Amino acid sequence: MKKVMMMTLALALAIGCQRVPLSGRKQLLLVPNSELLPLSFSNYRGVLDTSRVIRSGNDAQMIQRVGNRLRTAMESYLRANNFADRLEGFQWEFALIQSPQVNAWCMPGGKVAFYTGILPYTQNEAGVATVMGHEISHAIAEHGNERMSESLIASNLLQGGQLALGAVAQSRPQQTSAMLLQAAGAVLPIAYQVGRALPHSRKQELEADKLGLIFMAMAGYNPNEAVGFWTRMARAGSGQKPPEFLSTHPSDSRRIRDIQNQLPDAMKYYRQTARR
């Protein structure tokens, strides 16, 4: 069984390995969009049906304007650089939702939700582009698909580890066997979370920052505004936070530092856009 599992894993890695636009990072994508996107669209519709969606006014118009400028810039770049397959099945939608939540997100397939609670922190259109560029980049980089794919692989590996442990425990008293199996069920997922899942989630967040910074620059928004937005967010969340290694997100200081380091590259795209 172990040999079959390893062969399955090797085949999955060979078939599903692709590269993220701009960053070039290799990633594992095993879930076809034909299965993922209908589920995404259904969930998005469910959120809109149970929320107060703002469809008129200056803020709603701004969300549509920023979304469409980012969409145009992203699609142009992806098609010009042989990543058009990333857009297959996308149905863009940008919704402003009345809610105190300081949040925004983008589901696979280009379904964006922007909450009014984050507008005091964006402060201007470039701030909105910072947030939306980051969130849309998660969809362009197919981070959701990647997490699902790796969870499937990890689940199979964990099951295999438990089966191997069960075989060893058969030669021991029943009580010892039960304790070992219980330990396997508790320790292995935690080890996977801390050792793989959480670090990878933080890597995806930083990758979305990088892609979002460049895409907002391509759309004609000054990427320097990103530093101001993330600084305001850091101050707003200055209370006690878990240590970075136990968090799905990078620390505020690391995120801002990385963005500052990426600004010279992003500004090249911004200046090119400004000259058109």
Protein backbone atom coordinates (compact mmCIF):
# COMPACT_ATOMS: atom_id res chain seq x y z
CA MET A 1 0.00 0.00 0.00
CA LYS A 2 2.83 2.38 0.84
CA LYS A 3 4.35 1.80 -2.61
CA VAL A 4 1.01 2.53 -4.29
CA MET A 5 0.63 5.73 -2.25
CA MET A 6 4.11 6.93 -3.21
CA MET A 7 3.43 6.20 -6.88
CA THR A 8 0.14 8.09 -6.64
CA LEU A 9 1.88 11.06 -5.03
CA ALA A 10 4.62 11.08 -7.67
CA LEU A 11 2.03 10.97 -10.46
CA ALA A 12 0.03 13.79 -8.86
CA LEU A 13 3.13 15.94 -8.57
CA ALA A 14 4.09 15.28 -12.18
CA ILE A 15 0.62 16.07 -13.55
CA GLY A 16 -0.40 18.94 -11.27
CA CYS A 17 2.81 20.96 -11.00
CA GLN A 18 2.54 24.46 -12.50
CA ARG A 19 4.15 27.87 -11.99
CA VAL A 20 2.58 30.99 -10.48
CA PRO A 21 2.59 34.04 -12.78
CA LEU A 22 5.21 36.70 -11.93
CA SER A 23 6.66 34.84 -8.93
CA GLY A 24 7.54 31.68 -10.87
CA ARG A 25 6.96 29.48 -7.83
CA LYS A 26 6.04 25.87 -8.53
CA GLN A 27 2.69 24.78 -7.15
CA LEU A 28 0.48 21.70 -7.07
CA LEU A 29 -2.95 22.05 -8.72
CA LEU A 30 -5.03 18.89 -8.81
CA VAL A 31 -8.63 20.16 -8.66
CA PRO A 32 -10.03 21.07 -12.11
CA ASN A 33 -11.83 24.40 -12.44
CA SER A 34 -14.83 22.51 -13.80
CA GLU A 35 -15.32 21.17 -10.25
CA LEU A 36 -14.00 24.09 -8.20
CA LEU A 37 -15.62 27.11 -9.85
CA PRO A 38 -19.29 26.02 -9.73
CA LEU A 39 -18.89 25.48 -5.99
CA SER A 40 -17.20 28.88 -5.65
CA PHE A 41 -19.93 30.67 -7.60
CA SER A 42 -22.67 28.99 -5.58
CA ASN A 43 -21.07 29.99 -2.28
CA TYR A 44 -20.58 33.55 -3.49
CA ARG A 45 -24.22 33.83 -4.50
CA GLY A 46 -25.21 32.55 -1.08
CA VAL A 47 -23.18 35.30 0.60
CA LEU A 48 -24.74 38.01 -1.57
CA ASP A 49 -28.25 36.67 -1.00
CA THR A 50 -27.80 36.93 2.76
CA SER A 51 -25.98 40.29 2.83
CA ARG A 52 -26.83 43.91 2.23
CA VAL A 53 -25.15 44.63 -1.09
CA ILE A 54 -24.60 48.32 -1.91
CA ARG A 55 -25.31 48.79 -5.61
CA SER A 56 -25.21 52.58 -5.99
CA GLY A 57 -23.31 55.59 -4.68
CA ASN A 58 -19.71 56.74 -4.83
CA ASP A 59 -18.25 53.82 -2.86
CA ALA A 60 -20.02 51.21 -4.97
CA GLN A 61 -18.89 52.95 -8.15
CA MET A 62 -15.32 53.06 -6.85
CA ILE A 63 -15.31 49.31 -6.13
CA GLN A 64 -16.50 48.61 -9.69
CA ARG A 65 -13.98 51.02 -11.19
CA VAL A 66 -11.00 49.63 -9.28
CA GLY A 67 -12.08 46.05 -9.95
CA ASN A 68 -12.40 46.56 -13.68
CA ARG A 69 -9.08 48.41 -13.96
CA LEU A 70 -7.33 45.60 -12.12
CA ARG A 71 -9.15 42.99 -14.19
CA THR A 72 -8.06 44.63 -17.45
CA ALA A 73 -4.42 44.90 -16.33
CA MET A 74 -4.30 41.31 -15.06
CA GLU A 75 -5.96 39.81 -18.10
CA SER A 76 -3.66 41.72 -20.45
CA TYR A 77 -0.57 40.53 -18.61
CA LEU A 78 -1.70 36.90 -18.34
CA ARG A 79 -2.67 36.64 -22.01
CA ALA A 80 0.57 38.29 -23.16
CA ASN A 81 2.68 35.91 -21.05
CA ASN A 82 1.06 32.55 -21.85
CA PHE A 83 -1.00 32.33 -18.66
CA ALA A 84 -4.41 32.72 -20.33
CA ASP A 85 -5.42 29.28 -18.99
CA ARG A 86 -5.52 30.85 -15.52
CA LEU A 87 -8.60 32.80 -16.61
CA GLU A 88 -10.55 29.80 -17.87
CA GLY A 89 -14.05 29.85 -16.41
CA PHE A 90 -13.62 33.21 -14.61
CA GLN A 91 -16.80 35.24 -14.15
CA TRP A 92 -15.70 38.52 -12.59
CA GLU A 93 -17.95 40.20 -10.07
CA PHE A 94 -17.24 42.98 -7.56
CA ALA A 95 -19.64 43.47 -4.67
CA LEU A 96 -19.60 46.07 -1.90
CA ILE A 97 -21.25 44.69 1.24
CA GLN A 98 -22.53 46.79 4.13
CA SER A 99 -20.77 45.33 7.17
CA PRO A 100 -18.47 46.50 9.97
CA GLN A 101 -16.07 43.66 9.12
CA VAL A 102 -12.60 44.93 8.20
CA ASN A 103 -12.30 42.45 5.41
CA ALA A 104 -12.31 41.67 1.69
CA TRP A 105 -11.87 38.44 -0.24
CA CYS A 106 -11.92 36.90 -3.69
CA MET A 107 -13.23 33.41 -4.37
CA PRO A 108 -11.80 31.25 -7.17
CA GLY A 109 -13.14 32.46 -10.49
CA GLY A 110 -12.99 36.20 -9.76
CA LYS A 111 -15.83 36.64 -7.26
CA VAL A 112 -14.88 39.62 -5.05
CA ALA A 113 -16.52 40.83 -1.84
CA PHE A 114 -15.45 44.13 -0.32
CA TYR A 115 -16.82 45.11 3.12
CA THR A 116 -17.53 48.72 4.04
CA GLY A 117 -15.69 48.19 7.33
CA ILE A 118 -12.35 48.26 5.55
CA LEU A 119 -12.96 51.55 3.71
CA PRO A 120 -11.74 53.75 6.61
CA TYR A 121 -8.38 51.98 6.29
CA THR A 122 -8.09 52.11 2.51
CA GLN A 123 -8.90 55.87 2.64
CA ASN A 124 -8.60 56.37 -1.13
CA GLU A 125 -8.89 54.57 -4.46
CA ALA A 126 -5.26 53.43 -4.43
CA GLY A 127 -5.84 51.94 -0.99
CA VAL A 128 -8.81 50.01 -2.38
CA ALA A 129 -6.59 48.83 -5.25
CA THR A 130 -4.03 47.61 -2.71
CA VAL A 131 -6.59 45.41 -1.00
CA MET A 132 -8.37 44.24 -4.12
CA GLY A 133 -5.12 43.58 -5.97
CA HIS A 134 -4.00 41.37 -3.09
CA GLU A 135 -7.29 39.46 -2.94
CA ILE A 136 -7.62 38.96 -6.70
CA SER A 137 -4.03 37.76 -6.79
CA HIS A 138 -5.04 34.86 -4.55
CA ALA A 139 -7.48 33.81 -7.29
CA ILE A 140 -5.04 34.41 -10.15
CA ALA A 141 -2.37 32.38 -8.34
CA GLU A 142 -5.03 29.70 -7.61
CA HIS A 143 -4.09 29.55 -3.95
CA GLY A 144 -7.45 28.00 -3.05
CA ASN A 145 -6.93 25.16 -5.51
CA GLU A 146 -3.39 24.70 -4.23
CA ARG A 147 -4.51 24.40 -0.60
CA MET A 148 -7.21 21.91 -1.52
CA SER A 149 -4.74 19.85 -3.57
CA GLU A 150 -2.15 19.73 -0.82
CA SER A 151 -4.80 18.86 1.77
CA LEU A 152 -5.83 15.87 -0.33
CA ILE A 153 -2.24 14.68 -0.54
CA ALA A 154 -1.60 15.33 3.15
CA SER A 155 -4.75 13.46 4.15
CA ASN A 156 -3.64 10.38 2.25
CA LEU A 157 -0.19 10.53 3.80
CA LEU A 158 -1.62 10.87 7.29
CA GLN A 159 -3.90 7.90 6.74
CA GLY A 160 -0.93 5.90 5.53
CA GLY A 161 1.05 6.85 8.63
CA GLN A 162 -1.78 5.75 10.88
CA LEU A 163 -2.06 2.41 9.05
CA ALA A 164 1.65 1.77 9.51
CA LEU A 165 1.44 2.64 13.18
CA GLY A 166 -1.57 0.35 13.58
CA ALA A 167 0.39 -2.58 12.17
CA VAL A 168 3.19 -2.04 14.70
CA ALA A 169 0.72 -1.68 17.57
CA GLN A 170 -0.86 -5.06 16.86
CA SER A 171 2.05 -6.74 18.63
CA ARG A 172 1.44 -4.69 21.81
CA PRO A 173 -1.26 -4.75 24.46
CA GLN A 174 -4.63 -3.34 23.39
CA GLN A 175 -4.41 -0.32 25.66
CA THR A 176 -0.99 0.68 24.28
CA SER A 177 -2.27 0.28 20.74
CA ALA A 178 -5.23 2.58 21.41
CA MET A 179 -2.98 5.21 22.96
CA LEU A 180 -0.58 5.12 20.02
CA LEU A 181 -3.36 5.46 17.47
CA GLN A 182 -4.86 8.36 19.45
CA ALA A 183 -1.46 10.07 19.57
CA ALA A 184 -1.09 9.64 15.82
CA GLY A 185 -4.46 11.25 15.27
CA ALA A 186 -3.51 14.25 17.43
CA VAL A 187 0.17 14.79 16.73
CA LEU A 188 0.40 14.28 12.99
CA PRO A 189 -2.15 16.94 12.00
CA ILE A 190 -0.55 19.46 14.37
CA ALA A 191 2.88 18.71 12.96
CA TYR A 192 1.54 19.16 9.46
CA GLN A 193 -0.18 22.43 10.39
CA VAL A 194 2.88 24.01 12.01
CA GLY A 195 5.48 22.47 9.73
CA ARG A 196 3.76 22.83 6.37
CA ALA A 197 0.25 24.31 6.22
CA LEU A 198 0.83 27.51 8.21
CA PRO A 199 4.21 28.38 6.65
CA HIS A 200 2.73 27.76 3.22
CA SER A 201 -0.26 29.96 4.00
CA ARG A 202 2.10 32.77 5.00
CA LYS A 203 4.06 32.25 1.79
CA GLN A 204 0.84 32.57 -0.22
CA GLU A 205 -0.04 35.80 1.60
CA LEU A 206 3.34 37.33 0.77
CA GLU A 207 3.02 36.10 -2.81
CA ALA A 208 -0.40 37.77 -3.10
CA ASP A 209 1.17 40.97 -1.74
CA LYS A 210 3.83 40.86 -4.45
CA LEU A 211 1.45 40.08 -7.31
CA GLY A 212 -1.11 42.59 -6.04
CA LEU A 213 1.52 45.32 -5.83
CA ILE A 214 2.55 44.78 -9.45
CA PHE A 215 -0.99 44.41 -10.76
CA MET A 216 -2.12 47.64 -9.07
CA ALA A 217 0.87 49.37 -10.67
CA MET A 218 -0.10 47.95 -14.07
CA ALA A 219 -3.61 49.31 -13.49
CA GLY A 220 -2.20 52.80 -12.93
CA TYR A 221 -2.31 52.96 -9.12
CA ASN A 222 0.75 54.16 -7.22
CA PRO A 223 2.15 51.09 -5.38
CA ASN A 224 3.65 53.32 -2.68
CA GLU A 225 0.11 53.59 -1.30
CA ALA A 226 0.35 49.94 -0.22
CA VAL A 227 2.80 50.78 2.55
CA GLY A 228 0.41 53.33 4.03
CA PHE A 229 -2.51 50.91 3.95
CA TRP A 230 -0.67 48.02 5.64
CA THR A 231 0.78 50.42 8.21
CA ARG A 232 -2.73 51.58 9.12
CA MET A 233 -3.88 47.97 9.34
CA ALA A 234 -0.95 47.12 11.59
CA ARG A 235 -1.81 49.95 13.96
CA ALA A 236 -5.46 48.91 14.03
CA GLY A 237 -4.50 45.38 15.01
CA SER A 238 -1.80 46.32 17.48
CA GLY A 239 -3.28 44.11 20.21
CA GLN A 240 -1.88 40.74 21.18
CA LYS A 241 -1.34 38.43 18.20
CA PRO A 242 -0.11 34.84 18.00
CA PRO A 243 3.56 34.33 17.10
CA GLU A 244 4.11 34.26 13.35
CA PHE A 245 4.85 30.52 13.23
CA LEU A 246 1.34 29.82 14.59
CA SER A 247 -0.41 32.26 12.26
CA THR A 248 -1.82 31.96 8.75
CA HIS A 249 -0.52 35.45 7.97
CA PRO A 250 2.98 36.97 8.11
CA SER A 251 3.77 39.48 10.83
CA ASP A 252 2.94 43.11 10.07
CA SER A 253 6.60 44.11 10.14
CA ARG A 254 7.62 41.38 7.72
CA ARG A 255 4.78 42.17 5.33
CA ILE A 256 5.58 45.89 5.25
CA ARG A 257 9.30 45.23 4.89
CA ASP A 258 8.77 42.88 1.96
CA ILE A 259 6.47 45.36 0.23
CA GLN A 260 9.04 48.12 0.66
CA ASN A 261 11.69 45.87 -0.89
CA GLN A 262 9.39 45.14 -3.86
CA LEU A 263 8.48 48.76 -4.53
CA PRO A 264 11.34 49.53 -6.96
CA ASP A 265 10.22 46.71 -9.26
CA ALA A 266 6.54 47.67 -8.97
CA MET A 267 7.34 51.32 -9.72
CA LYS A 268 8.79 50.27 -13.09
CA TYR A 269 5.37 49.00 -14.13
CA TYR A 270 3.70 52.10 -12.70
CA ARG A 271 5.95 54.45 -14.68
CA GLN A 272 5.36 52.44 -17.86
CA THR A 273 1.61 52.77 -17.34
CA ALA A 274 1.88 56.50 -16.64
CA ARG A 275 3.74 57.08 -19.94
CA ARG A 276 0.95 55.57 -22.04
